[in-house]
């Protein structure tokens, strides 16, 4: 089997690492392996945005511009939650429909 390498400018190259988990895997395999981590990261970002927006709302002291900014952060965080939830739900449905394991 031919070894894979990444060609870099100047004649340099990086050889395919031995024992790398995704050697000779498809893009679908890589995405499937990363999806659980992507959902966790998205959830943590959502939590951070909710905290940031809530803190901004609490410390706005009635300033209409600060209140509007904090409400926009909270609204965007909730929209993001709906998108994350819909994506997770869609992955679950695809697992059931096709009988495959995507999220482990």
PDB file of N, CA and C in Angstrom:
ATOM      1  N   UNK A   1       0.841  -1.174   0.000  1.00  0.00           N
ATOM      2  CA  UNK A   1       0.000   0.000   0.000  1.00  0.00           C
ATOM      3  C   UNK A   1       0.889   1.241   0.000  1.00  0.00           C
ATOM      4  N   UNK A   2       0.531   2.215  -0.799  1.00  0.00           N
ATOM      5  CA  UNK A   2       1.300   3.442  -0.921  1.00  0.00           C
ATOM      6  C   UNK A   2       1.055   4.331   0.291  1.00  0.00           C
ATOM      7  N   UNK A   3       2.144   4.914   0.798  1.00  0.00           N
ATOM      8  CA  UNK A   3       2.007   5.828   1.933  1.00  0.00           C
ATOM      9  C   UNK A   3       1.487   7.166   1.454  1.00  0.00           C
ATOM     10  N   UNK A   4       0.594   7.739   2.210  1.00  0.00           N
ATOM     11  CA  UNK A   4       0.046   9.049   1.883  1.00  0.00           C
ATOM     12  C   UNK A   4       0.938  10.123   2.478  1.00  0.00           C
ATOM     13  N   UNK A   5       0.991  11.272   1.812  1.00  0.00           N
ATOM     14  CA  UNK A   5       1.775  12.395   2.323  1.00  0.00           C
ATOM     15  C   UNK A   5       1.089  13.686   1.917  1.00  0.00           C
ATOM     16  N   UNK A   6       1.264  14.697   2.721  1.00  0.00           N
ATOM     17  CA  UNK A   6       0.748  16.020   2.432  1.00  0.00           C
ATOM     18  C   UNK A   6       1.897  16.854   1.880  1.00  0.00           C
ATOM     19  N   UNK A   7       1.756  17.323   0.632  1.00  0.00           N
ATOM     20  CA  UNK A   7       2.810  18.117  -0.001  1.00  0.00           C
ATOM     21  C   UNK A   7       2.713  19.562   0.461  1.00  0.00           C
ATOM     22  N   UNK A   8       3.854  20.123   0.824  1.00  0.00           N
ATOM     23  CA  UNK A   8       3.937  21.512   1.254  1.00  0.00           C
ATOM     24  C   UNK A   8       4.820  22.298   0.298  1.00  0.00           C
ATOM     25  N   UNK A   9       4.644  23.619   0.250  1.00  0.00           N
ATOM     26  CA  UNK A   9       5.508  24.420  -0.618  1.00  0.00           C
ATOM     27  C   UNK A   9       6.973  24.265  -0.227  1.00  0.00           C
ATOM     28  N   UNK A  10       7.851  24.387  -1.197  1.00  0.00           N
ATOM     29  CA  UNK A  10       9.280  24.286  -0.934  1.00  0.00           C
ATOM     30  C   UNK A  10       9.791  22.860  -0.992  1.00  0.00           C
ATOM     31  N   UNK A  11       8.961  21.926  -1.481  1.00  0.00           N
ATOM     32  CA  UNK A  11       9.404  20.553  -1.599  1.00  0.00           C
ATOM     33  C   UNK A  11       9.284  19.736  -0.312  1.00  0.00           C
ATOM     34  N   UNK A  12       8.708  20.297   0.726  1.00  0.00           N
ATOM     35  CA  UNK A  12       8.537  19.563   1.981  1.00  0.00           C
ATOM     36  C   UNK A  12       7.257  18.735   1.930  1.00  0.00           C
ATOM     37  N   UNK A  13       7.206  17.733   2.757  1.00  0.00           N
ATOM     38  CA  UNK A  13       5.982  16.935   2.850  1.00  0.00           C
ATOM     39  C   UNK A  13       5.841  16.374   4.263  1.00  0.00           C
ATOM     40  N   UNK A  14       4.619  16.076   4.601  1.00  0.00           N
ATOM     41  CA  UNK A  14       4.313  15.457   5.894  1.00  0.00           C
ATOM     42  C   UNK A  14       3.770  14.068   5.600  1.00  0.00           C
ATOM     43  N   UNK A  15       4.443  13.048   6.130  1.00  0.00           N
ATOM     44  CA  UNK A  15       4.004  11.679   5.912  1.00  0.00           C
ATOM     45  C   UNK A  15       2.749  11.401   6.722  1.00  0.00           C
ATOM     46  N   UNK A  16       1.983  10.439   6.238  1.00  0.00           N
ATOM     47  CA  UNK A  16       0.787   9.999   6.958  1.00  0.00           C
ATOM     48  C   UNK A  16       1.230   9.349   8.265  1.00  0.00           C
ATOM     49  N   UNK A  17       0.716   9.814   9.401  1.00  0.00           N
ATOM     50  CA  UNK A  17       1.165   9.241  10.673  1.00  0.00           C
ATOM     51  C   UNK A  17       0.742   7.783  10.826  1.00  0.00           C
ATOM     52  N   UNK A  18       1.626   7.008  11.370  1.00  0.00           N
ATOM     53  CA  UNK A  18       1.332   5.601  11.613  1.00  0.00           C
ATOM     54  C   UNK A  18       0.344   5.471  12.773  1.00  0.00           C
ATOM     55  N   UNK A  19      -0.642   4.621  12.597  1.00  0.00           N
ATOM     56  CA  UNK A  19      -1.588   4.364  13.665  1.00  0.00           C
ATOM     57  C   UNK A  19      -2.595   5.475  13.886  1.00  0.00           C
ATOM     58  N   UNK A  20      -2.636   6.465  13.004  1.00  0.00           N
ATOM     59  CA  UNK A  20      -3.619   7.546  13.133  1.00  0.00           C
ATOM     60  C   UNK A  20      -5.005   6.963  12.948  1.00  0.00           C
ATOM     61  N   UNK A  21      -5.926   7.353  13.799  1.00  0.00           N
ATOM     62  CA  UNK A  21      -7.259   6.748  13.824  1.00  0.00           C
ATOM     63  C   UNK A  21      -8.008   6.891  12.501  1.00  0.00           C
ATOM     64  N   UNK A  22      -7.771   7.966  11.754  1.00  0.00           N
ATOM     65  CA  UNK A  22      -8.542   8.203  10.543  1.00  0.00           C
ATOM     66  C   UNK A  22      -7.779   7.897   9.261  1.00  0.00           C
ATOM     67  N   UNK A  23      -6.691   7.156   9.365  1.00  0.00           N
ATOM     68  CA  UNK A  23      -5.959   6.759   8.169  1.00  0.00           C
ATOM     69  C   UNK A  23      -6.856   5.867   7.316  1.00  0.00           C
ATOM     70  N   UNK A  24      -6.936   6.185   6.036  1.00  0.00           N
ATOM     71  CA  UNK A  24      -7.749   5.437   5.070  1.00  0.00           C
ATOM     72  C   UNK A  24      -9.231   5.415   5.421  1.00  0.00           C
ATOM     73  N   UNK A  25      -9.706   6.458   6.057  1.00  0.00           N
ATOM     74  CA  UNK A  25     -11.132   6.572   6.381  1.00  0.00           C
ATOM     75  C   UNK A  25     -11.771   7.585   5.446  1.00  0.00           C
ATOM     76  N   UNK A  26     -13.072   7.493   5.304  1.00  0.00           N
ATOM     77  CA  UNK A  26     -13.793   8.446   4.470  1.00  0.00           C
ATOM     78  C   UNK A  26     -14.116   9.694   5.283  1.00  0.00           C
ATOM     79  N   UNK A  27     -14.520  10.740   4.583  1.00  0.00           N
ATOM     80  CA  UNK A  27     -14.919  11.976   5.243  1.00  0.00           C
ATOM     81  C   UNK A  27     -16.110  11.713   6.166  1.00  0.00           C
ATOM     82  N   UNK A  28     -17.007  10.842   5.752  1.00  0.00           N
ATOM     83  CA  UNK A  28     -18.162  10.497   6.582  1.00  0.00           C
ATOM     84  C   UNK A  28     -17.754   9.869   7.906  1.00  0.00           C
ATOM     85  N   UNK A  29     -16.729   9.019   7.877  1.00  0.00           N
ATOM     86  CA  UNK A  29     -16.241   8.409   9.118  1.00  0.00           C
ATOM     87  C   UNK A  29     -15.670   9.457  10.066  1.00  0.00           C
ATOM     88  N   UNK A  30     -14.947  10.426   9.497  1.00  0.00           N
ATOM     89  CA  UNK A  30     -14.355  11.483  10.320  1.00  0.00           C
ATOM     90  C   UNK A  30     -15.448  12.341  10.944  1.00  0.00           C
ATOM     91  N   UNK A  31     -16.444  12.719  10.151  1.00  0.00           N
ATOM     92  CA  UNK A  31     -17.546  13.542  10.670  1.00  0.00           C
ATOM     93  C   UNK A  31     -18.329  12.774  11.717  1.00  0.00           C
ATOM     94  N   UNK A  32     -18.576  11.503  11.482  1.00  0.00           N
ATOM     95  CA  UNK A  32     -19.288  10.687  12.457  1.00  0.00           C
ATOM     96  C   UNK A  32     -18.543  10.641  13.786  1.00  0.00           C
ATOM     97  N   UNK A  33     -17.226  10.547  13.724  1.00  0.00           N
ATOM     98  CA  UNK A  33     -16.432  10.510  14.954  1.00  0.00           C
ATOM     99  C   UNK A  33     -16.433  11.859  15.666  1.00  0.00           C
ATOM    100  N   UNK A  34     -16.549  12.951  14.919  1.00  0.00           N
ATOM    101  CA  UNK A  34     -16.493  14.289  15.514  1.00  0.00           C
ATOM    102  C   UNK A  34     -17.850  14.811  15.983  1.00  0.00           C
ATOM    103  N   UNK A  35     -18.956  14.262  15.480  1.00  0.00           N
ATOM    104  CA  UNK A  35     -20.281  14.800  15.815  1.00  0.00           C
ATOM    105  C   UNK A  35     -20.572  14.884  17.316  1.00  0.00           C
ATOM    106  N   UNK A  36     -20.294  13.856  18.105  1.00  0.00           N
ATOM    107  CA  UNK A  36     -20.589  13.998  19.538  1.00  0.00           C
ATOM    108  C   UNK A  36     -19.838  15.168  20.175  1.00  0.00           C
ATOM    109  N   UNK A  37     -18.603  15.387  19.754  1.00  0.00           N
ATOM    110  CA  UNK A  37     -17.818  16.489  20.307  1.00  0.00           C
ATOM    111  C   UNK A  37     -18.344  17.835  19.828  1.00  0.00           C
ATOM    112  N   UNK A  38     -18.816  17.876  18.585  1.00  0.00           N
ATOM    113  CA  UNK A  38     -19.378  19.112  18.041  1.00  0.00           C
ATOM    114  C   UNK A  38     -20.635  19.494  18.810  1.00  0.00           C
ATOM    115  N   UNK A  39     -21.488  18.516  19.119  1.00  0.00           N
ATOM    116  CA  UNK A  39     -22.706  18.805  19.881  1.00  0.00           C
ATOM    117  C   UNK A  39     -22.380  19.285  21.291  1.00  0.00           C
ATOM    118  N   UNK A  40     -21.387  18.686  21.920  1.00  0.00           N
ATOM    119  CA  UNK A  40     -20.992  19.123  23.265  1.00  0.00           C
ATOM    120  C   UNK A  40     -20.428  20.539  23.218  1.00  0.00           C
ATOM    121  N   UNK A  41     -19.575  20.820  22.256  1.00  0.00           N
ATOM    122  CA  UNK A  41     -19.014  22.161  22.111  1.00  0.00           C
ATOM    123  C   UNK A  41     -20.112  23.192  21.837  1.00  0.00           C
ATOM    124  N   UNK A  42     -21.056  22.842  20.994  1.00  0.00           N
ATOM    125  CA  UNK A  42     -22.161  23.759  20.704  1.00  0.00           C
ATOM    126  C   UNK A  42     -22.995  24.012  21.961  1.00  0.00           C
ATOM    127  N   UNK A  43     -23.217  22.983  22.768  1.00  0.00           N
ATOM    128  CA  UNK A  43     -23.948  23.159  24.014  1.00  0.00           C
ATOM    129  C   UNK A  43     -23.213  24.052  24.997  1.00  0.00           C
ATOM    130  N   UNK A  44     -21.894  23.889  25.083  1.00  0.00           N
ATOM    131  CA  UNK A  44     -21.110  24.747  25.969  1.00  0.00           C
ATOM    132  C   UNK A  44     -21.119  26.197  25.500  1.00  0.00           C
ATOM    133  N   UNK A  45     -21.032  26.397  24.187  1.00  0.00           N
ATOM    134  CA  UNK A  45     -21.114  27.756  23.648  1.00  0.00           C
ATOM    135  C   UNK A  45     -22.486  28.372  23.920  1.00  0.00           C
ATOM    136  N   UNK A  46     -23.525  27.563  23.788  1.00  0.00           N
ATOM    137  CA  UNK A  46     -24.878  28.032  24.101  1.00  0.00           C
ATOM    138  C   UNK A  46     -24.976  28.466  25.554  1.00  0.00           C
ATOM    139  N   UNK A  47     -24.451  27.660  26.445  1.00  0.00           N
ATOM    140  CA  UNK A  47     -24.480  27.987  27.870  1.00  0.00           C
ATOM    141  C   UNK A  47     -23.724  29.291  28.138  1.00  0.00           C
ATOM    142  N   UNK A  48     -22.559  29.438  27.512  1.00  0.00           N
ATOM    143  CA  UNK A  48     -21.782  30.661  27.684  1.00  0.00           C
ATOM    144  C   UNK A  48     -22.520  31.887  27.172  1.00  0.00           C
ATOM    145  N   UNK A  49     -23.181  31.763  26.024  1.00  0.00           N
ATOM    146  CA  UNK A  49     -23.943  32.891  25.492  1.00  0.00           C
ATOM    147  C   UNK A  49     -25.126  33.252  26.391  1.00  0.00           C
ATOM    148  N   UNK A  50     -25.779  32.241  26.950  1.00  0.00           N
ATOM    149  CA  UNK A  50     -26.887  32.518  27.871  1.00  0.00           C
ATOM    150  C   UNK A  50     -26.394  33.247  29.123  1.00  0.00           C
ATOM    151  N   UNK A  51     -25.264  32.818  29.647  1.00  0.00           N
ATOM    152  CA  UNK A  51     -24.692  33.485  30.823  1.00  0.00           C
ATOM    153  C   UNK A  51     -24.286  34.920  30.474  1.00  0.00           C
ATOM    154  N   UNK A  52     -23.631  35.094  29.331  1.00  0.00           N
ATOM    155  CA  UNK A  52     -23.175  36.415  28.895  1.00  0.00           C
ATOM    156  C   UNK A  52     -24.358  37.358  28.670  1.00  0.00           C
ATOM    157  N   UNK A  53     -25.400  36.871  28.010  1.00  0.00           N
ATOM    158  CA  UNK A  53     -26.583  37.693  27.769  1.00  0.00           C
ATOM    159  C   UNK A  53     -27.316  38.018  29.059  1.00  0.00           C
ATOM    160  N   UNK A  54     -27.439  37.044  29.936  1.00  0.00           N
ATOM    161  CA  UNK A  54     -28.098  37.276  31.223  1.00  0.00           C
ATOM    162  C   UNK A  54     -27.328  38.262  32.080  1.00  0.00           C
ATOM    163  N   UNK A  55     -26.016  38.130  32.089  1.00  0.00           N
ATOM    164  CA  UNK A  55     -25.190  39.069  32.854  1.00  0.00           C
ATOM    165  C   UNK A  55     -25.317  40.477  32.279  1.00  0.00           C
ATOM    166  N   UNK A  56     -25.335  40.581  30.955  1.00  0.00           N
ATOM    167  CA  UNK A  56     -25.501  41.879  30.312  1.00  0.00           C
ATOM    168  C   UNK A  56     -26.848  42.498  30.636  1.00  0.00           C
ATOM    169  N   UNK A  57     -27.880  41.676  30.722  1.00  0.00           N
ATOM    170  CA  UNK A  57     -29.215  42.174  31.067  1.00  0.00           C
ATOM    171  C   UNK A  57     -29.266  42.630  32.517  1.00  0.00           C
ATOM    172  N   UNK A  58     -28.622  41.880  33.393  1.00  0.00           N
ATOM    173  CA  UNK A  58     -28.613  42.247  34.811  1.00  0.00           C
ATOM    174  C   UNK A  58     -27.813  43.511  35.081  1.00  0.00           C
ATOM    175  N   UNK A  59     -26.767  43.733  34.318  1.00  0.00           N
ATOM    176  CA  UNK A  59     -25.906  44.889  34.573  1.00  0.00           C
ATOM    177  C   UNK A  59     -26.209  46.074  33.652  1.00  0.00           C
ATOM    178  N   UNK A  60     -27.300  46.006  32.912  1.00  0.00           N
ATOM    179  CA  UNK A  60     -27.619  47.091  31.980  1.00  0.00           C
ATOM    180  C   UNK A  60     -28.084  48.361  32.684  1.00  0.00           C
ATOM    181  N   UNK A  61     -28.554  48.253  33.896  1.00  0.00           N
ATOM    182  CA  UNK A  61     -29.000  49.393  34.701  1.00  0.00           C
ATOM    183  C   UNK A  61     -30.050  50.226  33.962  1.00  0.00           C
ATOM    184  N   UNK A  62     -30.875  49.561  33.173  1.00  0.00           N
ATOM    185  CA  UNK A  62     -31.952  50.263  32.496  1.00  0.00           C
ATOM    186  C   UNK A  62     -31.544  50.988  31.230  1.00  0.00           C
ATOM    187  N   UNK A  63     -30.284  50.938  30.850  1.00  0.00           N
ATOM    188  CA  UNK A  63     -29.827  51.586  29.624  1.00  0.00           C
ATOM    189  C   UNK A  63     -30.441  50.845  28.431  1.00  0.00           C
ATOM    190  N   UNK A  64     -31.275  51.522  27.630  1.00  0.00           N
ATOM    191  CA  UNK A  64     -31.987  50.835  26.542  1.00  0.00           C
ATOM    192  C   UNK A  64     -31.069  50.151  25.528  1.00  0.00           C
ATOM    193  N   UNK A  65     -29.916  50.755  25.244  1.00  0.00           N
ATOM    194  CA  UNK A  65     -28.999  50.134  24.282  1.00  0.00           C
ATOM    195  C   UNK A  65     -28.410  48.837  24.831  1.00  0.00           C
ATOM    196  N   UNK A  66     -28.045  48.863  26.116  1.00  0.00           N
ATOM    197  CA  UNK A  66     -27.483  47.658  26.731  1.00  0.00           C
ATOM    198  C   UNK A  66     -28.545  46.570  26.873  1.00  0.00           C
ATOM    199  N   UNK A  67     -29.773  46.963  27.202  1.00  0.00           N
ATOM    200  CA  UNK A  67     -30.866  45.998  27.312  1.00  0.00           C
ATOM    201  C   UNK A  67     -31.119  45.351  25.955  1.00  0.00           C
ATOM    202  N   UNK A  68     -31.151  46.156  24.899  1.00  0.00           N
ATOM    203  CA  UNK A  68     -31.392  45.634  23.550  1.00  0.00           C
ATOM    204  C   UNK A  68     -30.272  44.678  23.135  1.00  0.00           C
ATOM    205  N   UNK A  69     -29.025  45.038  23.453  1.00  0.00           N
ATOM    206  CA  UNK A  69     -27.893  44.182  23.121  1.00  0.00           C
ATOM    207  C   UNK A  69     -27.969  42.845  23.866  1.00  0.00           C
ATOM    208  N   UNK A  70     -28.292  42.909  25.147  1.00  0.00           N
ATOM    209  CA  UNK A  70     -28.401  41.681  25.945  1.00  0.00           C
ATOM    210  C   UNK A  70     -29.561  40.820  25.463  1.00  0.00           C
ATOM    211  N   UNK A  71     -30.678  41.444  25.124  1.00  0.00           N
ATOM    212  CA  UNK A  71     -31.817  40.674  24.613  1.00  0.00           C
ATOM    213  C   UNK A  71     -31.472  40.011  23.280  1.00  0.00           C
ATOM    214  N   UNK A  72     -30.702  40.697  22.449  1.00  0.00           N
ATOM    215  CA  UNK A  72     -30.277  40.114  21.174  1.00  0.00           C
ATOM    216  C   UNK A  72     -29.388  38.897  21.414  1.00  0.00           C
ATOM    217  N   UNK A  73     -28.490  38.975  22.397  1.00  0.00           N
ATOM    218  CA  UNK A  73     -27.635  37.823  22.723  1.00  0.00           C
ATOM    219  C   UNK A  73     -28.480  36.642  23.195  1.00  0.00           C
ATOM    220  N   UNK A  74     -29.442  36.925  24.055  1.00  0.00           N
ATOM    221  CA  UNK A  74     -30.305  35.853  24.564  1.00  0.00           C
ATOM    222  C   UNK A  74     -31.150  35.258  23.434  1.00  0.00           C
ATOM    223  N   UNK A  75     -31.672  36.107  22.566  1.00  0.00           N
ATOM    224  CA  UNK A  75     -32.470  35.620  21.437  1.00  0.00           C
ATOM    225  C   UNK A  75     -31.623  34.756  20.512  1.00  0.00           C
ATOM    226  N   UNK A  76     -30.411  35.199  20.213  1.00  0.00           N
ATOM    227  CA  UNK A  76     -29.528  34.406  19.363  1.00  0.00           C
ATOM    228  C   UNK A  76     -29.149  33.085  20.018  1.00  0.00           C
ATOM    229  N   UNK A  77     -28.960  33.088  21.325  1.00  0.00           N
ATOM    230  CA  UNK A  77     -28.636  31.847  22.034  1.00  0.00           C
ATOM    231  C   UNK A  77     -29.806  30.868  21.960  1.00  0.00           C
ATOM    232  N   UNK A  78     -31.022  31.362  22.093  1.00  0.00           N
ATOM    233  CA  UNK A  78     -32.197  30.486  22.028  1.00  0.00           C
ATOM    234  C   UNK A  78     -32.381  29.951  20.611  1.00  0.00           C
ATOM    235  N   UNK A  79     -32.164  30.790  19.608  1.00  0.00           N
ATOM    236  CA  UNK A  79     -32.241  30.322  18.216  1.00  0.00           C
ATOM    237  C   UNK A  79     -31.166  29.269  17.969  1.00  0.00           C
ATOM    238  N   UNK A  80     -29.974  29.495  18.495  1.00  0.00           N
ATOM    239  CA  UNK A  80     -28.907  28.507  18.382  1.00  0.00           C
ATOM    240  C   UNK A  80     -29.272  27.192  19.046  1.00  0.00           C
ATOM    241  N   UNK A  81     -29.920  27.272  20.205  1.00  0.00           N
ATOM    242  CA  UNK A  81     -30.363  26.054  20.892  1.00  0.00           C
ATOM    243  C   UNK A  81     -31.345  25.279  20.033  1.00  0.00           C
ATOM    244  N   UNK A  82     -32.275  25.988  19.406  1.00  0.00           N
ATOM    245  CA  UNK A  82     -33.265  25.325  18.549  1.00  0.00           C
ATOM    246  C   UNK A  82     -32.570  24.644  17.369  1.00  0.00           C
ATOM    247  N   UNK A  83     -31.567  25.303  16.800  1.00  0.00           N
ATOM    248  CA  UNK A  83     -30.837  24.708  15.677  1.00  0.00           C
ATOM    249  C   UNK A  83     -30.053  23.475  16.128  1.00  0.00           C
ATOM    250  N   UNK A  84     -29.393  23.569  17.282  1.00  0.00           N
ATOM    251  CA  UNK A  84     -28.635  22.421  17.809  1.00  0.00           C
ATOM    252  C   UNK A  84     -29.577  21.256  18.104  1.00  0.00           C
ATOM    253  N   UNK A  85     -30.703  21.558  18.731  1.00  0.00           N
ATOM    254  CA  UNK A  85     -31.672  20.511  19.069  1.00  0.00           C
ATOM    255  C   UNK A  85     -32.220  19.864  17.805  1.00  0.00           C
ATOM    256  N   UNK A  86     -32.540  20.668  16.786  1.00  0.00           N
ATOM    257  CA  UNK A  86     -33.058  20.119  15.533  1.00  0.00           C
ATOM    258  C   UNK A  86     -32.010  19.244  14.847  1.00  0.00           C
ATOM    259  N   UNK A  87     -30.747  19.658  14.879  1.00  0.00           N
ATOM    260  CA  UNK A  87     -29.691  18.856  14.264  1.00  0.00           C
ATOM    261  C   UNK A  87     -29.524  17.531  15.000  1.00  0.00           C
ATOM    262  N   UNK A  88     -29.537  17.576  16.321  1.00  0.00           N
ATOM    263  CA  UNK A  88     -29.413  16.346  17.102  1.00  0.00           C
ATOM    264  C   UNK A  88     -30.596  15.423  16.826  1.00  0.00           C
ATOM    265  N   UNK A  89     -31.803  16.002  16.764  1.00  0.00           N
ATOM    266  CA  UNK A  89     -33.007  15.239  16.501  1.00  0.00           C
ATOM    267  C   UNK A  89     -32.942  14.600  15.121  1.00  0.00           C
ATOM    268  N   UNK A  90     -32.457  15.362  14.135  1.00  0.00           N
ATOM    269  CA  UNK A  90     -32.333  14.849  12.780  1.00  0.00           C
ATOM    270  C   UNK A  90     -31.339  13.683  12.725  1.00  0.00           C
ATOM    271  N   UNK A  91     -30.232  13.803  13.431  1.00  0.00           N
ATOM    272  CA  UNK A  91     -29.248  12.709  13.460  1.00  0.00           C
ATOM    273  C   UNK A  91     -29.869  11.467  14.096  1.00  0.00           C
ATOM    274  N   UNK A  92     -30.639  11.644  15.156  1.00  0.00           N
ATOM    275  CA  UNK A  92     -31.295  10.506  15.802  1.00  0.00           C
ATOM    276  C   UNK A  92     -32.271   9.827  14.844  1.00  0.00           C
ATOM    277  N   UNK A  93     -33.035  10.617  14.106  1.00  0.00           N
ATOM    278  CA  UNK A  93     -33.999  10.054  13.149  1.00  0.00           C
ATOM    279  C   UNK A  93     -33.269   9.302  12.039  1.00  0.00           C
ATOM    280  N   UNK A  94     -32.157   9.875  11.547  1.00  0.00           N
ATOM    281  CA  UNK A  94     -31.395   9.191  10.511  1.00  0.00           C
ATOM    282  C   UNK A  94     -30.833   7.869  11.010  1.00  0.00           C
ATOM    283  N   UNK A  95     -30.411   7.835  12.265  1.00  0.00           N
ATOM    284  CA  UNK A  95     -29.909   6.578  12.838  1.00  0.00           C
ATOM    285  C   UNK A  95     -31.004   5.520  12.835  1.00  0.00           C
ATOM    286  N   UNK A  96     -32.217   5.906  13.197  1.00  0.00           N
ATOM    287  CA  UNK A  96     -33.331   4.949  13.250  1.00  0.00           C
ATOM    288  C   UNK A  96     -33.741   4.528  11.846  1.00  0.00           C
ATOM    289  N   UNK A  97     -33.849   5.499  10.932  1.00  0.00           N
ATOM    290  CA  UNK A  97     -34.309   5.190   9.572  1.00  0.00           C
ATOM    291  C   UNK A  97     -33.361   4.270   8.826  1.00  0.00           C
ATOM    292  N   UNK A  98     -32.065   4.522   8.948  1.00  0.00           N
ATOM    293  CA  UNK A  98     -31.098   3.761   8.175  1.00  0.00           C
ATOM    294  C   UNK A  98     -30.421   2.652   8.981  1.00  0.00           C
ATOM    295  N   UNK A  99     -30.733   2.543  10.255  1.00  0.00           N
ATOM    296  CA  UNK A  99     -30.159   1.495  11.076  1.00  0.00           C
ATOM    297  C   UNK A  99     -28.657   1.609  11.254  1.00  0.00           C
ATOM    298  N   UNK A 100     -28.164   2.831  11.325  1.00  0.00           N
ATOM    299  CA  UNK A 100     -26.736   3.059  11.478  1.00  0.00           C
ATOM    300  C   UNK A 100     -26.466   3.727  12.830  1.00  0.00           C
ATOM    301  N   UNK A 101     -25.224   3.683  13.241  1.00  0.00           N
ATOM    302  CA  UNK A 101     -24.825   4.341  14.474  1.00  0.00           C
ATOM    303  C   UNK A 101     -23.958   5.529  14.113  1.00  0.00           C
ATOM    304  N   UNK A 102     -24.458   6.725  14.403  1.00  0.00           N
ATOM    305  CA  UNK A 102     -23.708   7.925  14.079  1.00  0.00           C
ATOM    306  C   UNK A 102     -23.076   8.501  15.337  1.00  0.00           C
ATOM    307  N   UNK A 103     -23.829   8.572  16.414  1.00  0.00           N
ATOM    308  CA  UNK A 103     -23.342   9.202  17.642  1.00  0.00           C
ATOM    309  C   UNK A 103     -22.830   8.208  18.670  1.00  0.00           C
ATOM    310  N   UNK A 104     -22.661   6.989  18.290  1.00  0.00           N
ATOM    311  CA  UNK A 104     -22.077   6.013  19.201  1.00  0.00           C
ATOM    312  C   UNK A 104     -23.045   5.464  20.096  1.00  0.00           C
TER     313      UNK A 104
END
